Amino acid sequence: MRVIWLFAAVFFAAWLQAAVLAQVDLLGARPNLVLLGVLLAALTRGPVVGLLLATFGAALMAPLSAAPGPVWFFAYFPAGLAAAIPEGALNRQNPVVLVFLALGTAMLFDLIFFLGLSAAGWRLDIEPLLGARLLLDGIFNGLLAMPGAWLLRRLAAPEPAHR
């Protein structure tokens, strides 16, 4: 039943990202709260919930922007699949692992998003600075993942099994 809180959190993150944080710009980096919510939920609840939230987040963000809808879906899916990393391979509770996973996911999101926009015929003026933009977005969103992980663990704690 607590999975419903995850959908509410992604909805709130989409609203916050589109309405409040749309003008936040730190050296070209922008917060992607929906991406972080999808990633953190996927790490705590698994890839099925991650993919459901990725689809929900893309469906929320597509009408709020001029970008084609499928670009949002393809860009959010890697975050939803991040939970497919084998449990024994990484300590997902380690904040350093979480920051680097969010960094990589944010960079992959931007790369897929920019490639999708280019394929759709959009002219992007950031091609010479694409690497720096990807790195700045990754670092910014990686650092934002730490307080988000704390909040998500409180909202989406696994329910105890009944005997």
C-alpha atoms as a PDB file:
ATOM      1  CA  MET A   1       0.000   0.000   0.000  1.00  0.00           C
ATOM      2  CA  ARG A   2       2.912   2.369   0.555  1.00  0.00           C
ATOM      3  CA  VAL A   3       3.739   2.312  -3.154  1.00  0.00           C
ATOM      4  CA  ILE A   4       0.984   4.886  -3.585  1.00  0.00           C
ATOM      5  CA  TRP A   5       3.200   7.334  -1.682  1.00  0.00           C
ATOM      6  CA  LEU A   6       5.856   6.877  -4.350  1.00  0.00           C
ATOM      7  CA  PHE A   7       3.425   7.929  -7.077  1.00  0.00           C
ATOM      8  CA  ALA A   8       2.394  10.924  -4.964  1.00  0.00           C
ATOM      9  CA  ALA A   9       6.069  11.822  -4.458  1.00  0.00           C
ATOM     10  CA  VAL A  10       6.776  11.662  -8.218  1.00  0.00           C
ATOM     11  CA  PHE A  11       3.664  13.761  -8.884  1.00  0.00           C
ATOM     12  CA  PHE A  12       4.830  16.343  -6.341  1.00  0.00           C
ATOM     13  CA  ALA A  13       8.366  16.248  -7.811  1.00  0.00           C
ATOM     14  CA  ALA A  14       6.976  16.866 -11.313  1.00  0.00           C
ATOM     15  CA  TRP A  15       4.929  19.798 -10.072  1.00  0.00           C
ATOM     16  CA  LEU A  16       7.881  21.214  -8.129  1.00  0.00           C
ATOM     17  CA  GLN A  17      10.232  20.749 -11.084  1.00  0.00           C
ATOM     18  CA  ALA A  18       7.882  22.361 -13.608  1.00  0.00           C
ATOM     19  CA  ALA A  19       6.369  25.150 -11.527  1.00  0.00           C
ATOM     20  CA  VAL A  20       8.925  26.150  -8.927  1.00  0.00           C
ATOM     21  CA  LEU A  21      12.368  24.968 -10.032  1.00  0.00           C
ATOM     22  CA  ALA A  22      12.010  25.696 -13.754  1.00  0.00           C
ATOM     23  CA  GLN A  23      14.152  28.823 -13.425  1.00  0.00           C
ATOM     24  CA  VAL A  24      16.839  27.292 -11.188  1.00  0.00           C
ATOM     25  CA  ASP A  25      20.077  27.158 -13.138  1.00  0.00           C
ATOM     26  CA  LEU A  26      23.468  26.486 -11.574  1.00  0.00           C
ATOM     27  CA  LEU A  27      26.120  26.943 -14.288  1.00  0.00           C
ATOM     28  CA  GLY A  28      23.763  25.303 -16.776  1.00  0.00           C
ATOM     29  CA  ALA A  29      22.776  22.424 -14.489  1.00  0.00           C
ATOM     30  CA  ARG A  30      19.147  21.953 -13.577  1.00  0.00           C
ATOM     31  CA  PRO A  31      17.563  19.748 -10.933  1.00  0.00           C
ATOM     32  CA  ASN A  32      15.666  16.723 -12.229  1.00  0.00           C
ATOM     33  CA  LEU A  33      13.567  15.720  -9.253  1.00  0.00           C
ATOM     34  CA  VAL A  34      11.411  13.276 -11.198  1.00  0.00           C
ATOM     35  CA  LEU A  35      14.508  11.398 -12.334  1.00  0.00           C
ATOM     36  CA  LEU A  36      15.840  11.250  -8.786  1.00  0.00           C
ATOM     37  CA  GLY A  37      12.485  10.060  -7.471  1.00  0.00           C
ATOM     38  CA  VAL A  38      12.334   7.299 -10.062  1.00  0.00           C
ATOM     39  CA  LEU A  39      15.918   6.243  -9.351  1.00  0.00           C
ATOM     40  CA  LEU A  40      15.518   6.203  -5.580  1.00  0.00           C
ATOM     41  CA  ALA A  41      12.205   4.367  -5.744  1.00  0.00           C
ATOM     42  CA  ALA A  42      13.707   1.802  -8.113  1.00  0.00           C
ATOM     43  CA  LEU A  43      16.573   1.208  -5.722  1.00  0.00           C
ATOM     44  CA  THR A  44      14.299   0.761  -2.720  1.00  0.00           C
ATOM     45  CA  ARG A  45      11.370  -1.077  -4.345  1.00  0.00           C
ATOM     46  CA  GLY A  46      12.840  -2.820  -7.394  1.00  0.00           C
ATOM     47  CA  PRO A  47      12.790  -2.518 -11.173  1.00  0.00           C
ATOM     48  CA  VAL A  48       9.041  -3.121 -11.645  1.00  0.00           C
ATOM     49  CA  VAL A  49       8.091  -0.169  -9.451  1.00  0.00           C
ATOM     50  CA  GLY A  50      10.947   1.821 -11.019  1.00  0.00           C
ATOM     51  CA  LEU A  51       9.622   1.263 -14.539  1.00  0.00           C
ATOM     52  CA  LEU A  52       6.060   2.056 -13.474  1.00  0.00           C
ATOM     53  CA  LEU A  53       7.241   5.314 -11.902  1.00  0.00           C
ATOM     54  CA  ALA A  54       9.382   6.100 -14.966  1.00  0.00           C
ATOM     55  CA  THR A  55       6.299   5.747 -17.160  1.00  0.00           C
ATOM     56  CA  PHE A  56       4.234   7.833 -14.739  1.00  0.00           C
ATOM     57  CA  GLY A  57       6.922  10.535 -14.537  1.00  0.00           C
ATOM     58  CA  ALA A  58       7.280  10.667 -18.316  1.00  0.00           C
ATOM     59  CA  ALA A  59       3.510  10.924 -18.714  1.00  0.00           C
ATOM     60  CA  LEU A  60       3.512  13.851 -16.275  1.00  0.00           C
ATOM     61  CA  MET A  61       6.452  15.703 -17.840  1.00  0.00           C
ATOM     62  CA  ALA A  62       5.549  15.222 -21.532  1.00  0.00           C
ATOM     63  CA  PRO A  63       2.570  17.620 -21.578  1.00  0.00           C
ATOM     64  CA  LEU A  64       4.501  20.207 -19.555  1.00  0.00           C
ATOM     65  CA  SER A  65       7.179  20.688 -22.194  1.00  0.00           C
ATOM     66  CA  ALA A  66       7.452  21.148 -25.915  1.00  0.00           C
ATOM     67  CA  ALA A  67       9.666  18.069 -26.227  1.00  0.00           C
ATOM     68  CA  PRO A  68       8.106  15.034 -27.920  1.00  0.00           C
ATOM     69  CA  GLY A  69       6.535  12.606 -25.440  1.00  0.00           C
ATOM     70  CA  PRO A  70       8.524   9.488 -26.412  1.00  0.00           C
ATOM     71  CA  VAL A  71      11.782  11.304 -25.637  1.00  0.00           C
ATOM     72  CA  TRP A  72      10.711  11.558 -21.999  1.00  0.00           C
ATOM     73  CA  PHE A  73       9.879   7.838 -21.854  1.00  0.00           C
ATOM     74  CA  PHE A  74      13.202   6.753 -23.334  1.00  0.00           C
ATOM     75  CA  ALA A  75      15.129   9.122 -21.080  1.00  0.00           C
ATOM     76  CA  TYR A  76      13.445   8.009 -17.824  1.00  0.00           C
ATOM     77  CA  PHE A  77      13.656   4.260 -18.435  1.00  0.00           C
ATOM     78  CA  PRO A  78      17.367   3.864 -17.510  1.00  0.00           C
ATOM     79  CA  ALA A  79      16.588   5.289 -14.073  1.00  0.00           C
ATOM     80  CA  GLY A  80      13.806   2.776 -13.665  1.00  0.00           C
ATOM     81  CA  LEU A  81      16.134  -0.031 -14.666  1.00  0.00           C
ATOM     82  CA  ALA A  82      18.849   1.039 -12.231  1.00  0.00           C
ATOM     83  CA  ALA A  83      17.380  -1.345  -9.685  1.00  0.00           C
ATOM     84  CA  ALA A  84      18.359  -4.240 -11.922  1.00  0.00           C
ATOM     85  CA  ILE A  85      21.895  -3.880 -10.592  1.00  0.00           C
ATOM     86  CA  PRO A  86      22.476  -7.090  -8.674  1.00  0.00           C
ATOM     87  CA  GLU A  87      22.017  -6.722  -4.938  1.00  0.00           C
ATOM     88  CA  GLY A  88      25.418  -8.162  -4.129  1.00  0.00           C
ATOM     89  CA  ALA A  89      27.281  -5.991  -6.627  1.00  0.00           C
ATOM     90  CA  LEU A  90      26.765  -2.693  -4.826  1.00  0.00           C
ATOM     91  CA  ASN A  91      25.803  -1.563  -1.375  1.00  0.00           C
ATOM     92  CA  ARG A  92      22.789   0.508  -2.356  1.00  0.00           C
ATOM     93  CA  GLN A  93      22.465   2.048   1.102  1.00  0.00           C
ATOM     94  CA  ASN A  94      25.933   3.620   0.913  1.00  0.00           C
ATOM     95  CA  PRO A  95      25.523   7.367   0.216  1.00  0.00           C
ATOM     96  CA  VAL A  96      28.636   7.466  -1.979  1.00  0.00           C
ATOM     97  CA  VAL A  97      27.284   4.683  -4.193  1.00  0.00           C
ATOM     98  CA  LEU A  98      23.965   6.500  -4.353  1.00  0.00           C
ATOM     99  CA  VAL A  99      25.601   9.784  -5.402  1.00  0.00           C
ATOM    100  CA  PHE A 100      27.606   8.124  -8.180  1.00  0.00           C
ATOM    101  CA  LEU A 101      24.601   6.133  -9.369  1.00  0.00           C
ATOM    102  CA  ALA A 102      22.521   9.330  -9.494  1.00  0.00           C
ATOM    103  CA  LEU A 103      25.392  11.110 -11.270  1.00  0.00           C
ATOM    104  CA  GLY A 104      25.578   8.430 -13.948  1.00  0.00           C
ATOM    105  CA  THR A 105      21.815   8.189 -14.330  1.00  0.00           C
ATOM    106  CA  ALA A 106      21.441  11.970 -14.690  1.00  0.00           C
ATOM    107  CA  MET A 107      24.184  12.056 -17.327  1.00  0.00           C
ATOM    108  CA  LEU A 108      22.564   9.167 -19.219  1.00  0.00           C
ATOM    109  CA  PHE A 109      19.163  10.882 -18.984  1.00  0.00           C
ATOM    110  CA  ASP A 110      20.545  14.097 -20.493  1.00  0.00           C
ATOM    111  CA  LEU A 111      22.412  12.249 -23.229  1.00  0.00           C
ATOM    112  CA  ILE A 112      19.336  10.249 -24.257  1.00  0.00           C
ATOM    113  CA  PHE A 113      17.161  13.353 -24.020  1.00  0.00           C
ATOM    114  CA  PHE A 114      19.478  15.459 -26.186  1.00  0.00           C
ATOM    115  CA  LEU A 115      19.904  12.658 -28.737  1.00  0.00           C
ATOM    116  CA  GLY A 116      16.120  12.238 -28.859  1.00  0.00           C
ATOM    117  CA  LEU A 117      15.616  15.941 -29.435  1.00  0.00           C
ATOM    118  CA  SER A 118      18.249  15.923 -32.183  1.00  0.00           C
ATOM    119  CA  ALA A 119      16.584  12.907 -33.817  1.00  0.00           C
ATOM    120  CA  ALA A 120      13.239  14.742 -33.662  1.00  0.00           C
ATOM    121  CA  GLY A 121      14.752  17.609 -35.636  1.00  0.00           C
ATOM    122  CA  TRP A 122      15.464  20.082 -32.863  1.00  0.00           C
ATOM    123  CA  ARG A 123      18.527  22.276 -33.239  1.00  0.00           C
ATOM    124  CA  LEU A 124      20.545  22.267 -30.029  1.00  0.00           C
ATOM    125  CA  ASP A 125      23.061  25.029 -29.417  1.00  0.00           C
ATOM    126  CA  ILE A 126      24.903  23.146 -26.688  1.00  0.00           C
ATOM    127  CA  GLU A 127      26.798  20.628 -28.821  1.00  0.00           C
ATOM    128  CA  PRO A 128      30.255  22.137 -28.165  1.00  0.00           C
ATOM    129  CA  LEU A 129      29.602  22.109 -24.424  1.00  0.00           C
ATOM    130  CA  LEU A 130      27.636  18.851 -24.239  1.00  0.00           C
ATOM    131  CA  GLY A 131      30.224  17.021 -22.107  1.00  0.00           C
ATOM    132  CA  ALA A 132      30.447  19.828 -19.571  1.00  0.00           C
ATOM    133  CA  ARG A 133      26.654  20.104 -19.433  1.00  0.00           C
ATOM    134  CA  LEU A 134      26.283  16.361 -18.856  1.00  0.00           C
ATOM    135  CA  LEU A 135      28.898  16.401 -16.099  1.00  0.00           C
ATOM    136  CA  LEU A 136      27.417  19.456 -14.343  1.00  0.00           C
ATOM    137  CA  ASP A 137      23.908  17.993 -14.446  1.00  0.00           C
ATOM    138  CA  GLY A 138      25.244  14.715 -13.131  1.00  0.00           C
ATOM    139  CA  ILE A 139      27.098  16.302 -10.224  1.00  0.00           C
ATOM    140  CA  PHE A 140      24.192  18.586  -9.313  1.00  0.00           C
ATOM    141  CA  ASN A 141      21.612  15.796  -9.360  1.00  0.00           C
ATOM    142  CA  GLY A 142      24.020  13.409  -7.654  1.00  0.00           C
ATOM    143  CA  LEU A 143      24.302  15.774  -4.713  1.00  0.00           C
ATOM    144  CA  LEU A 144      20.532  16.261  -4.658  1.00  0.00           C
ATOM    145  CA  ALA A 145      20.077  12.495  -4.343  1.00  0.00           C
ATOM    146  CA  MET A 146      21.336  12.393  -0.755  1.00  0.00           C
ATOM    147  CA  PRO A 147      18.454  14.283   0.926  1.00  0.00           C
ATOM    148  CA  GLY A 148      16.045  12.601  -1.472  1.00  0.00           C
ATOM    149  CA  ALA A 149      17.238   9.175  -0.350  1.00  0.00           C
ATOM    150  CA  TRP A 150      16.620  10.054   3.267  1.00  0.00           C
ATOM    151  CA  LEU A 151      13.094  11.244   2.492  1.00  0.00           C
ATOM    152  CA  LEU A 152      12.274   8.285   0.291  1.00  0.00           C
ATOM    153  CA  ARG A 153      13.455   5.769   2.872  1.00  0.00           C
ATOM    154  CA  ARG A 154      11.050   7.355   5.341  1.00  0.00           C
ATOM    155  CA  LEU A 155       8.111   7.335   2.910  1.00  0.00           C
ATOM    156  CA  ALA A 156       8.645   3.971   1.283  1.00  0.00           C
ATOM    157  CA  ALA A 157       9.979   1.775   4.042  1.00  0.00           C
ATOM    158  CA  PRO A 158       9.150  -1.857   3.318  1.00  0.00           C
ATOM    159  CA  GLU A 159       6.169  -3.134   5.200  1.00  0.00           C
ATOM    160  CA  PRO A 160       6.951  -5.860   7.728  1.00  0.00           C
ATOM    161  CA  ALA A 161       5.905  -9.368   6.787  1.00  0.00           C
ATOM    162  CA  HIS A 162       3.018 -10.789   8.753  1.00  0.00           C
ATOM    163  CA  ARG A 163       3.354 -14.243  10.252  1.00  0.00           C
END
